[in-house]
PDB file of N, CA and C in Angstrom:
ATOM      1  N   MET A   1       0.725  -1.027   0.002  1.00  0.00           N
ATOM      2  CA  MET A   1       0.222   0.157   0.328  1.00  0.00           C
ATOM      3  C   MET A   1       0.774   1.240  -0.150  1.00  0.00           C
ATOM      4  N   PRO A   2       0.704   2.340  -0.737  1.00  0.00           N
ATOM      5  CA  PRO A   2       1.576   3.366  -1.173  1.00  0.00           C
ATOM      6  C   PRO A   2       1.043   4.261   0.156  1.00  0.00           C
ATOM      7  N   SER A   3       2.084   5.052   0.245  1.00  0.00           N
ATOM      8  CA  SER A   3       1.998   6.219   1.810  1.00  0.00           C
ATOM      9  C   SER A   3       1.054   7.324   1.116  1.00  0.00           C
ATOM     10  N   ILE A   4      -0.035   7.101   1.556  1.00  0.00           N
ATOM     11  CA  ILE A   4      -1.264   8.063   1.212  1.00  0.00           C
ATOM     12  C   ILE A   4      -1.723   8.812   2.272  1.00  0.00           C
ATOM     13  N   LYS A   5      -1.559  10.334   2.516  1.00  0.00           N
ATOM     14  CA  LYS A   5      -1.781  11.038   3.399  1.00  0.00           C
ATOM     15  C   LYS A   5      -2.899  11.864   3.213  1.00  0.00           C
ATOM     16  N   LYS A   6      -3.890  12.391   4.073  1.00  0.00           N
ATOM     17  CA  LYS A   6      -4.806  13.258   3.993  1.00  0.00           C
ATOM     18  C   LYS A   6      -4.234  14.711   4.285  1.00  0.00           C
ATOM     19  N   GLU A   7      -4.534  15.379   3.347  1.00  0.00           N
ATOM     20  CA  GLU A   7      -4.288  16.915   3.586  1.00  0.00           C
ATOM     21  C   GLU A   7      -5.332  18.007   3.618  1.00  0.00           C
ATOM     22  N   THR A   8      -5.188  18.998   3.952  1.00  0.00           N
ATOM     23  CA  THR A   8      -6.320  20.323   3.843  1.00  0.00           C
ATOM     24  C   THR A   8      -6.697  20.009   2.281  1.00  0.00           C
ATOM     25  N   GLU A   9      -6.000  20.411   1.368  1.00  0.00           N
ATOM     26  CA  GLU A   9      -6.257  20.585   0.152  1.00  0.00           C
ATOM     27  C   GLU A   9      -6.773  19.197  -0.850  1.00  0.00           C
ATOM     28  N   GLY A  10      -6.522  18.196  -0.172  1.00  0.00           N
ATOM     29  CA  GLY A  10      -6.712  16.745  -0.815  1.00  0.00           C
ATOM     30  C   GLY A  10      -6.139  15.529  -0.345  1.00  0.00           C
ATOM     31  N   VAL A  11      -5.355  14.792  -0.947  1.00  0.00           N
ATOM     32  CA  VAL A  11      -4.319  13.740  -0.489  1.00  0.00           C
ATOM     33  C   VAL A  11      -2.980  13.623  -1.253  1.00  0.00           C
ATOM     34  N   SER A  12      -2.202  13.431  -0.283  1.00  0.00           N
ATOM     35  CA  SER A  12      -0.789  13.691  -1.197  1.00  0.00           C
ATOM     36  C   SER A  12      -0.312  11.819  -1.300  1.00  0.00           C
ATOM     37  N   LEU A  13       0.227  11.655  -1.969  1.00  0.00           N
ATOM     38  CA  LEU A  13       0.806  10.244  -2.668  1.00  0.00           C
ATOM     39  C   LEU A  13       2.475  10.264  -2.654  1.00  0.00           C
ATOM     40  N   ALA A  14       3.153   9.223  -2.261  1.00  0.00           N
ATOM     41  CA  ALA A  14       4.587   9.018  -2.340  1.00  0.00           C
ATOM     42  C   ALA A  14       4.478   8.118  -3.736  1.00  0.00           C
ATOM     43  N   ILE A  15       5.868   9.048  -4.497  1.00  0.00           N
ATOM     44  CA  ILE A  15       5.983   8.155  -5.654  1.00  0.00           C
ATOM     45  C   ILE A  15       7.387   8.078  -5.725  1.00  0.00           C
ATOM     46  N   ARG A  16       7.768   7.131  -6.652  1.00  0.00           N
ATOM     47  CA  ARG A  16       9.136   6.920  -7.055  1.00  0.00           C
ATOM     48  C   ARG A  16       9.095   6.960  -8.594  1.00  0.00           C
ATOM     49  N   VAL A  17      10.019   8.198  -9.283  1.00  0.00           N
ATOM     50  CA  VAL A  17       9.727   8.126 -10.581  1.00  0.00           C
ATOM     51  C   VAL A  17      10.988   7.404 -11.343  1.00  0.00           C
ATOM     52  N   ALA A  18      10.869   6.748 -12.348  1.00  0.00           N
ATOM     53  CA  ALA A  18      12.145   6.047 -13.644  1.00  0.00           C
ATOM     54  C   ALA A  18      12.049   6.675 -14.538  1.00  0.00           C
ATOM     55  N   PRO A  19      12.537   7.674 -15.130  1.00  0.00           N
ATOM     56  CA  PRO A  19      12.516   8.704 -16.209  1.00  0.00           C
ATOM     57  C   PRO A  19      13.164   7.590 -17.270  1.00  0.00           C
ATOM     58  N   ARG A  20      13.110   8.122 -18.550  1.00  0.00           N
ATOM     59  CA  ARG A  20      13.354   7.576 -19.716  1.00  0.00           C
ATOM     60  C   ARG A  20      13.208   5.820 -19.791  1.00  0.00           C
ATOM     61  N   ALA A  21      11.842   5.782 -19.319  1.00  0.00           N
ATOM     62  CA  ALA A  21      11.459   4.406 -19.673  1.00  0.00           C
ATOM     63  C   ALA A  21      11.028   4.121 -21.017  1.00  0.00           C
ATOM     64  N   SER A  22      10.774   2.866 -21.334  1.00  0.00           N
ATOM     65  CA  SER A  22      10.044   2.643 -22.695  1.00  0.00           C
ATOM     66  C   SER A  22       8.681   3.137 -22.909  1.00  0.00           C
ATOM     67  N   ARG A  23       7.806   3.079 -21.675  1.00  0.00           N
ATOM     68  CA  ARG A  23       6.479   3.729 -21.766  1.00  0.00           C
ATOM     69  C   ARG A  23       6.009   4.441 -20.517  1.00  0.00           C
ATOM     70  N   ASN A  24       5.243   5.095 -20.535  1.00  0.00           N
ATOM     71  CA  ASN A  24       4.444   5.845 -19.285  1.00  0.00           C
ATOM     72  C   ASN A  24       3.574   4.645 -18.594  1.00  0.00           C
ATOM     73  N   GLU A  25       4.024   4.478 -17.571  1.00  0.00           N
ATOM     74  CA  GLU A  25       2.862   3.214 -16.614  1.00  0.00           C
ATOM     75  C   GLU A  25       3.024   3.590 -15.289  1.00  0.00           C
ATOM     76  N   LEU A  26       1.988   3.033 -14.636  1.00  0.00           N
ATOM     77  CA  LEU A  26       2.402   2.730 -13.210  1.00  0.00           C
ATOM     78  C   LEU A  26       2.929   1.335 -12.859  1.00  0.00           C
ATOM     79  N   ALA A  27       4.082   1.184 -12.220  1.00  0.00           N
ATOM     80  CA  ALA A  27       4.462  -0.136 -12.247  1.00  0.00           C
ATOM     81  C   ALA A  27       4.407  -0.801 -10.676  1.00  0.00           C
ATOM     82  N   GLY A  28       3.615  -0.382 -10.042  1.00  0.00           N
ATOM     83  CA  GLY A  28       3.194  -1.176  -8.730  1.00  0.00           C
ATOM     84  C   GLY A  28       3.675  -0.336  -7.536  1.00  0.00           C
ATOM     85  N   VAL A  29       3.586  -1.086  -6.673  1.00  0.00           N
ATOM     86  CA  VAL A  29       4.155  -0.514  -5.241  1.00  0.00           C
ATOM     87  C   VAL A  29       5.336  -1.147  -4.634  1.00  0.00           C
ATOM     88  N   GLU A  30       6.066  -0.747  -4.021  1.00  0.00           N
ATOM     89  CA  GLU A  30       7.331  -1.167  -3.416  1.00  0.00           C
ATOM     90  C   GLU A  30       7.654  -0.289  -2.161  1.00  0.00           C
ATOM     91  N   ALA A  31       7.780  -0.935  -1.063  1.00  0.00           N
ATOM     92  CA  ALA A  31       8.261  -0.391   0.009  1.00  0.00           C
ATOM     93  C   ALA A  31       7.493   1.064   0.539  1.00  0.00           C
ATOM     94  N   GLY A  32       6.090   0.818   0.137  1.00  0.00           N
ATOM     95  CA  GLY A  32       5.338   2.079   0.363  1.00  0.00           C
ATOM     96  C   GLY A  32       4.997   3.157  -0.548  1.00  0.00           C
ATOM     97  N   VAL A  33       5.878   2.844  -1.922  1.00  0.00           N
ATOM     98  CA  VAL A  33       5.969   3.942  -2.396  1.00  0.00           C
ATOM     99  C   VAL A  33       5.217   3.477  -3.810  1.00  0.00           C
ATOM    100  N   LEU A  34       4.446   4.463  -4.620  1.00  0.00           N
ATOM    101  CA  LEU A  34       3.990   4.032  -6.028  1.00  0.00           C
ATOM    102  C   LEU A  34       5.170   4.255  -7.008  1.00  0.00           C
ATOM    103  N   LYS A  35       5.345   3.096  -7.756  1.00  0.00           N
ATOM    104  CA  LYS A  35       6.823   3.425  -8.846  1.00  0.00           C
ATOM    105  C   LYS A  35       5.686   3.610 -10.041  1.00  0.00           C
ATOM    106  N   VAL A  36       6.263   4.827 -10.734  1.00  0.00           N
ATOM    107  CA  VAL A  36       5.836   5.225 -11.877  1.00  0.00           C
ATOM    108  C   VAL A  36       7.041   5.235 -13.036  1.00  0.00           C
ATOM    109  N   ARG A  37       6.945   4.696 -13.997  1.00  0.00           N
ATOM    110  CA  ARG A  37       7.658   4.886 -15.208  1.00  0.00           C
ATOM    111  C   ARG A  37       7.391   5.782 -16.165  1.00  0.00           C
ATOM    112  N   LEU A  38       8.294   6.813 -16.800  1.00  0.00           N
ATOM    113  CA  LEU A  38       7.764   7.831 -17.648  1.00  0.00           C
ATOM    114  C   LEU A  38       8.878   7.946 -18.883  1.00  0.00           C
ATOM    115  N   THR A  39       8.405   8.276 -19.692  1.00  0.00           N
ATOM    116  CA  THR A  39       9.328   8.140 -21.150  1.00  0.00           C
ATOM    117  C   THR A  39      10.052   9.420 -21.016  1.00  0.00           C
ATOM    118  N   ALA A  40       9.613  10.517 -20.440  1.00  0.00           N
ATOM    119  CA  ALA A  40      10.423  11.834 -20.429  1.00  0.00           C
ATOM    120  C   ALA A  40      11.416  11.580 -19.812  1.00  0.00           C
ATOM    121  N   PRO A  41      12.712  12.616 -20.022  1.00  0.00           N
ATOM    122  CA  PRO A  41      14.035  12.683 -19.771  1.00  0.00           C
ATOM    123  C   PRO A  41      13.655  13.763 -18.331  1.00  0.00           C
ATOM    124  N   PRO A  42      14.702  13.384 -17.373  1.00  0.00           N
ATOM    125  CA  PRO A  42      14.777  14.011 -16.150  1.00  0.00           C
ATOM    126  C   PRO A  42      15.220  15.594 -16.170  1.00  0.00           C
ATOM    127  N   VAL A  43      14.931  16.404 -17.343  1.00  0.00           N
ATOM    128  CA  VAL A  43      15.540  17.602 -17.483  1.00  0.00           C
ATOM    129  C   VAL A  43      14.394  18.684 -17.752  1.00  0.00           C
ATOM    130  N   GLU A  44      14.611  19.940 -17.045  1.00  0.00           N
ATOM    131  CA  GLU A  44      13.555  20.972 -17.198  1.00  0.00           C
ATOM    132  C   GLU A  44      12.376  20.858 -16.866  1.00  0.00           C
ATOM    133  N   GLY A  45      12.068  19.775 -16.023  1.00  0.00           N
ATOM    134  CA  GLY A  45      10.833  19.460 -15.433  1.00  0.00           C
ATOM    135  C   GLY A  45       9.772  18.670 -16.511  1.00  0.00           C
ATOM    136  N   ALA A  46      10.523  18.110 -17.515  1.00  0.00           N
ATOM    137  CA  ALA A  46       9.912  17.316 -18.462  1.00  0.00           C
ATOM    138  C   ALA A  46       9.182  15.969 -17.514  1.00  0.00           C
ATOM    139  N   ALA A  47      10.222  15.301 -16.814  1.00  0.00           N
ATOM    140  CA  ALA A  47       9.699  14.268 -16.021  1.00  0.00           C
ATOM    141  C   ALA A  47       8.367  14.581 -15.229  1.00  0.00           C
ATOM    142  N   ASN A  48       8.376  15.943 -14.579  1.00  0.00           N
ATOM    143  CA  ASN A  48       7.297  16.130 -13.513  1.00  0.00           C
ATOM    144  C   ASN A  48       5.919  16.280 -14.440  1.00  0.00           C
ATOM    145  N   GLN A  49       6.268  17.205 -15.446  1.00  0.00           N
ATOM    146  CA  GLN A  49       4.907  17.222 -16.490  1.00  0.00           C
ATOM    147  C   GLN A  49       4.531  16.076 -16.897  1.00  0.00           C
ATOM    148  N   ALA A  50       4.974  15.058 -17.051  1.00  0.00           N
ATOM    149  CA  ALA A  50       4.707  13.796 -17.806  1.00  0.00           C
ATOM    150  C   ALA A  50       4.203  13.111 -16.667  1.00  0.00           C
ATOM    151  N   LEU A  51       4.591  13.250 -15.177  1.00  0.00           N
ATOM    152  CA  LEU A  51       4.198  12.477 -14.337  1.00  0.00           C
ATOM    153  C   LEU A  51       2.571  13.292 -13.676  1.00  0.00           C
ATOM    154  N   VAL A  52       2.436  14.555 -13.966  1.00  0.00           N
ATOM    155  CA  VAL A  52       1.386  15.214 -13.533  1.00  0.00           C
ATOM    156  C   VAL A  52       0.302  14.975 -14.758  1.00  0.00           C
ATOM    157  N   LYS A  53       0.643  14.568 -16.111  1.00  0.00           N
ATOM    158  CA  LYS A  53      -0.375  14.280 -17.003  1.00  0.00           C
ATOM    159  C   LYS A  53      -0.782  12.706 -16.830  1.00  0.00           C
ATOM    160  N   LEU A  54       0.239  11.852 -16.631  1.00  0.00           N
ATOM    161  CA  LEU A  54      -0.192  10.319 -16.164  1.00  0.00           C
ATOM    162  C   LEU A  54      -0.939  10.363 -14.977  1.00  0.00           C
ATOM    163  N   LEU A  55      -0.902  10.861 -13.754  1.00  0.00           N
ATOM    164  CA  LEU A  55      -1.674  11.018 -12.957  1.00  0.00           C
ATOM    165  C   LEU A  55      -3.184  11.466 -13.077  1.00  0.00           C
ATOM    166  N   ALA A  56      -3.097  12.524 -13.798  1.00  0.00           N
ATOM    167  CA  ALA A  56      -4.563  13.252 -14.000  1.00  0.00           C
ATOM    168  C   ALA A  56      -5.264  12.269 -14.926  1.00  0.00           C
ATOM    169  N   LYS A  57      -4.724  11.477 -15.815  1.00  0.00           N
ATOM    170  CA  LYS A  57      -5.352  10.936 -16.741  1.00  0.00           C
ATOM    171  C   LYS A  57      -5.584   9.464 -16.106  1.00  0.00           C
ATOM    172  N   THR A  58      -4.965   8.965 -15.562  1.00  0.00           N
ATOM    173  CA  THR A  58      -5.360   7.714 -14.611  1.00  0.00           C
ATOM    174  C   THR A  58      -6.288   7.871 -13.670  1.00  0.00           C
ATOM    175  N   LEU A  59      -6.514   9.071 -12.895  1.00  0.00           N
ATOM    176  CA  LEU A  59      -7.285   9.379 -11.818  1.00  0.00           C
ATOM    177  C   LEU A  59      -8.486   9.932 -12.369  1.00  0.00           C
ATOM    178  N   GLY A  60      -8.800  10.508 -13.471  1.00  0.00           N
ATOM    179  CA  GLY A  60      -9.898  11.187 -13.820  1.00  0.00           C
ATOM    180  C   GLY A  60     -10.071  12.452 -13.403  1.00  0.00           C
ATOM    181  N   VAL A  61      -9.090  13.258 -13.361  1.00  0.00           N
ATOM    182  CA  VAL A  61      -8.725  14.561 -12.404  1.00  0.00           C
ATOM    183  C   VAL A  61      -8.112  15.596 -13.660  1.00  0.00           C
ATOM    184  N   ALA A  62      -8.398  16.929 -13.589  1.00  0.00           N
ATOM    185  CA  ALA A  62      -8.009  17.885 -14.421  1.00  0.00           C
ATOM    186  C   ALA A  62      -6.422  17.907 -13.869  1.00  0.00           C
ATOM    187  N   LYS A  63      -5.625  18.127 -14.973  1.00  0.00           N
ATOM    188  CA  LYS A  63      -4.387  18.255 -14.522  1.00  0.00           C
ATOM    189  C   LYS A  63      -3.919  19.390 -13.589  1.00  0.00           C
ATOM    190  N   GLY A  64      -4.803  20.491 -13.226  1.00  0.00           N
ATOM    191  CA  GLY A  64      -4.619  21.397 -12.679  1.00  0.00           C
ATOM    192  C   GLY A  64      -4.798  20.950 -11.237  1.00  0.00           C
ATOM    193  N   LYS A  65      -5.522  19.807 -10.843  1.00  0.00           N
ATOM    194  CA  LYS A  65      -5.318  19.230  -9.432  1.00  0.00           C
ATOM    195  C   LYS A  65      -4.485  18.539  -9.105  1.00  0.00           C
ATOM    196  N   VAL A  66      -3.485  18.121 -10.005  1.00  0.00           N
ATOM    197  CA  VAL A  66      -2.294  17.457  -9.411  1.00  0.00           C
ATOM    198  C   VAL A  66      -0.782  18.211  -9.561  1.00  0.00           C
ATOM    199  N   ARG A  67      -0.266  18.265  -8.468  1.00  0.00           N
ATOM    200  CA  ARG A  67       0.927  18.799  -8.313  1.00  0.00           C
ATOM    201  C   ARG A  67       1.906  18.253  -7.502  1.00  0.00           C
ATOM    202  N   VAL A  68       3.019  18.646  -8.201  1.00  0.00           N
ATOM    203  CA  VAL A  68       4.239  17.920  -7.378  1.00  0.00           C
ATOM    204  C   VAL A  68       4.863  18.995  -6.017  1.00  0.00           C
ATOM    205  N   VAL A  69       4.494  18.311  -4.958  1.00  0.00           N
ATOM    206  CA  VAL A  69       4.743  19.246  -3.949  1.00  0.00           C
ATOM    207  C   VAL A  69       6.070  19.302  -3.142  1.00  0.00           C
ATOM    208  N   SER A  70       6.684  18.134  -3.333  1.00  0.00           N
ATOM    209  CA  SER A  70       7.974  18.085  -2.886  1.00  0.00           C
ATOM    210  C   SER A  70       8.776  17.136  -3.685  1.00  0.00           C
ATOM    211  N   GLY A  71      10.079  17.276  -3.844  1.00  0.00           N
ATOM    212  CA  GLY A  71      11.076  16.341  -4.685  1.00  0.00           C
ATOM    213  C   GLY A  71      11.182  16.475  -6.017  1.00  0.00           C
ATOM    214  N   GLU A  72      10.690  17.815  -6.562  1.00  0.00           N
ATOM    215  CA  GLU A  72      10.757  18.228  -8.044  1.00  0.00           C
ATOM    216  C   GLU A  72      12.087  17.864  -8.575  1.00  0.00           C
ATOM    217  N   ARG A  73      13.045  17.781  -8.102  1.00  0.00           N
ATOM    218  CA  ARG A  73      14.336  17.465  -8.687  1.00  0.00           C
ATOM    219  C   ARG A  73      14.938  15.858  -8.362  1.00  0.00           C
ATOM    220  N   SER A  74      14.183  15.386  -7.862  1.00  0.00           N
ATOM    221  CA  SER A  74      14.492  13.970  -7.266  1.00  0.00           C
ATOM    222  C   SER A  74      13.897  12.741  -8.034  1.00  0.00           C
ATOM    223  N   ARG A  75      14.097  11.903  -7.906  1.00  0.00           N
ATOM    224  CA  ARG A  75      13.104  10.387  -8.197  1.00  0.00           C
ATOM    225  C   ARG A  75      12.085  10.274  -7.523  1.00  0.00           C
ATOM    226  N   ASN A  76      12.299  10.666  -6.111  1.00  0.00           N
ATOM    227  CA  ASN A  76      11.395  10.494  -4.929  1.00  0.00           C
ATOM    228  C   ASN A  76      10.622  11.656  -4.820  1.00  0.00           C
ATOM    229  N   LYS A  77       9.190  11.745  -4.769  1.00  0.00           N
ATOM    230  CA  LYS A  77       8.352  12.781  -4.950  1.00  0.00           C
ATOM    231  C   LYS A  77       7.189  12.658  -3.967  1.00  0.00           C
ATOM    232  N   ARG A  78       6.724  13.627  -3.721  1.00  0.00           N
ATOM    233  CA  ARG A  78       5.331  13.573  -2.966  1.00  0.00           C
ATOM    234  C   ARG A  78       4.526  14.384  -3.974  1.00  0.00           C
ATOM    235  N   VAL A  79       3.352  13.988  -3.989  1.00  0.00           N
ATOM    236  CA  VAL A  79       2.182  14.661  -5.320  1.00  0.00           C
ATOM    237  C   VAL A  79       1.097  14.835  -4.505  1.00  0.00           C
ATOM    238  N   LEU A  80       0.365  16.125  -4.509  1.00  0.00           N
ATOM    239  CA  LEU A  80      -0.988  16.480  -3.956  1.00  0.00           C
ATOM    240  C   LEU A  80      -1.921  16.290  -5.040  1.00  0.00           C
ATOM    241  N   ILE A  81      -3.108  15.567  -4.872  1.00  0.00           N
ATOM    242  CA  ILE A  81      -4.299  15.587  -5.781  1.00  0.00           C
ATOM    243  C   ILE A  81      -5.383  16.247  -4.921  1.00  0.00           C
ATOM    244  N   GLN A  82      -5.947  17.073  -5.579  1.00  0.00           N
ATOM    245  CA  GLN A  82      -7.130  17.638  -4.952  1.00  0.00           C
ATOM    246  C   GLN A  82      -8.304  17.104  -5.149  1.00  0.00           C
ATOM    247  N   GLY A  83      -9.174  17.326  -4.421  1.00  0.00           N
ATOM    248  CA  GLY A  83     -10.589  17.152  -4.862  1.00  0.00           C
ATOM    249  C   GLY A  83     -10.857  15.082  -4.818  1.00  0.00           C
ATOM    250  N   LEU A  84     -10.129  14.441  -4.197  1.00  0.00           N
ATOM    251  CA  LEU A  84      -9.982  13.464  -3.943  1.00  0.00           C
ATOM    252  C   LEU A  84      -9.962  12.912  -2.414  1.00  0.00           C
ATOM    253  N   SER A  85     -10.740  11.732  -1.980  1.00  0.00           N
ATOM    254  CA  SER A  85     -10.483  11.622  -0.551  1.00  0.00           C
ATOM    255  C   SER A  85      -9.367   9.954  -0.655  1.00  0.00           C
ATOM    256  N   PRO A  86      -8.690   9.819   0.551  1.00  0.00           N
ATOM    257  CA  PRO A  86      -7.945   8.817   0.405  1.00  0.00           C
ATOM    258  C   PRO A  86      -8.556   7.357  -0.224  1.00  0.00           C
ATOM    259  N   LYS A  87      -9.698   7.224   0.057  1.00  0.00           N
ATOM    260  CA  LYS A  87     -10.611   6.099  -0.551  1.00  0.00           C
ATOM    261  C   LYS A  87     -10.710   6.009  -1.925  1.00  0.00           C
ATOM    262  N   GLU A  88     -11.330   7.101  -2.422  1.00  0.00           N
ATOM    263  CA  GLU A  88     -11.072   7.291  -3.862  1.00  0.00           C
ATOM    264  C   GLU A  88      -9.953   7.094  -4.617  1.00  0.00           C
ATOM    265  N   LEU A  89      -8.984   7.917  -4.061  1.00  0.00           N
ATOM    266  CA  LEU A  89      -7.893   7.519  -4.644  1.00  0.00           C
ATOM    267  C   LEU A  89      -7.082   6.145  -4.698  1.00  0.00           C
ATOM    268  N   ARG A  90      -7.524   5.376  -3.631  1.00  0.00           N
ATOM    269  CA  ARG A  90      -6.803   3.877  -3.574  1.00  0.00           C
ATOM    270  C   ARG A  90      -7.874   3.207  -4.550  1.00  0.00           C
ATOM    271  N   GLY A  91      -9.155   3.701  -4.883  1.00  0.00           N
ATOM    272  CA  GLY A  91     -10.034   2.905  -5.642  1.00  0.00           C
ATOM    273  C   GLY A  91      -9.821   3.253  -7.044  1.00  0.00           C
ATOM    274  N   ARG A  92      -9.234   4.353  -7.543  1.00  0.00           N
ATOM    275  CA  ARG A  92      -8.803   4.878  -8.902  1.00  0.00           C
ATOM    276  C   ARG A  92      -7.747   4.299  -9.057  1.00  0.00           C
ATOM    277  N   LEU A  93      -6.500   3.875  -8.224  1.00  0.00           N
ATOM    278  CA  LEU A  93      -5.418   3.331  -8.475  1.00  0.00           C
ATOM    279  C   LEU A  93      -5.670   1.629  -8.695  1.00  0.00           C
ATOM    280  N   GLY A  94      -6.650   1.380  -8.243  1.00  0.00           N
ATOM    281  CA  GLY A  94      -6.920  -0.168  -7.994  1.00  0.00           C
ATOM    282  C   GLY A  94      -5.968  -0.938  -6.940  1.00  0.00           C
ATOM    283  N   LEU A  95      -6.003  -0.212  -5.855  1.00  0.00           N
ATOM    284  CA  LEU A  95      -5.227  -0.645  -4.752  1.00  0.00           C
ATOM    285  C   LEU A  95      -6.347  -1.225  -3.445  1.00  0.00           C
TER     286      LEU A  95
END
């Protein structure tokens, strides 16, 4: 189960990103962190933008509701998703 925390604006989720992968995909959960593979390189925020786009599409929310709140220059990130409860997030991720 990934680390999901209820925040005042929504829920936050711990993520580990693998940039320059062969395709964009959620790759499961390992050690309490959701693993995400992205085709984008980790330069000039490209991987962060790809992450926001993938999560928004997967969760069925607008891109403006998904924001990287920590770890912008790291593989380990915390992402805030607005407008979802922890239960809704788990359901949409299939956890």
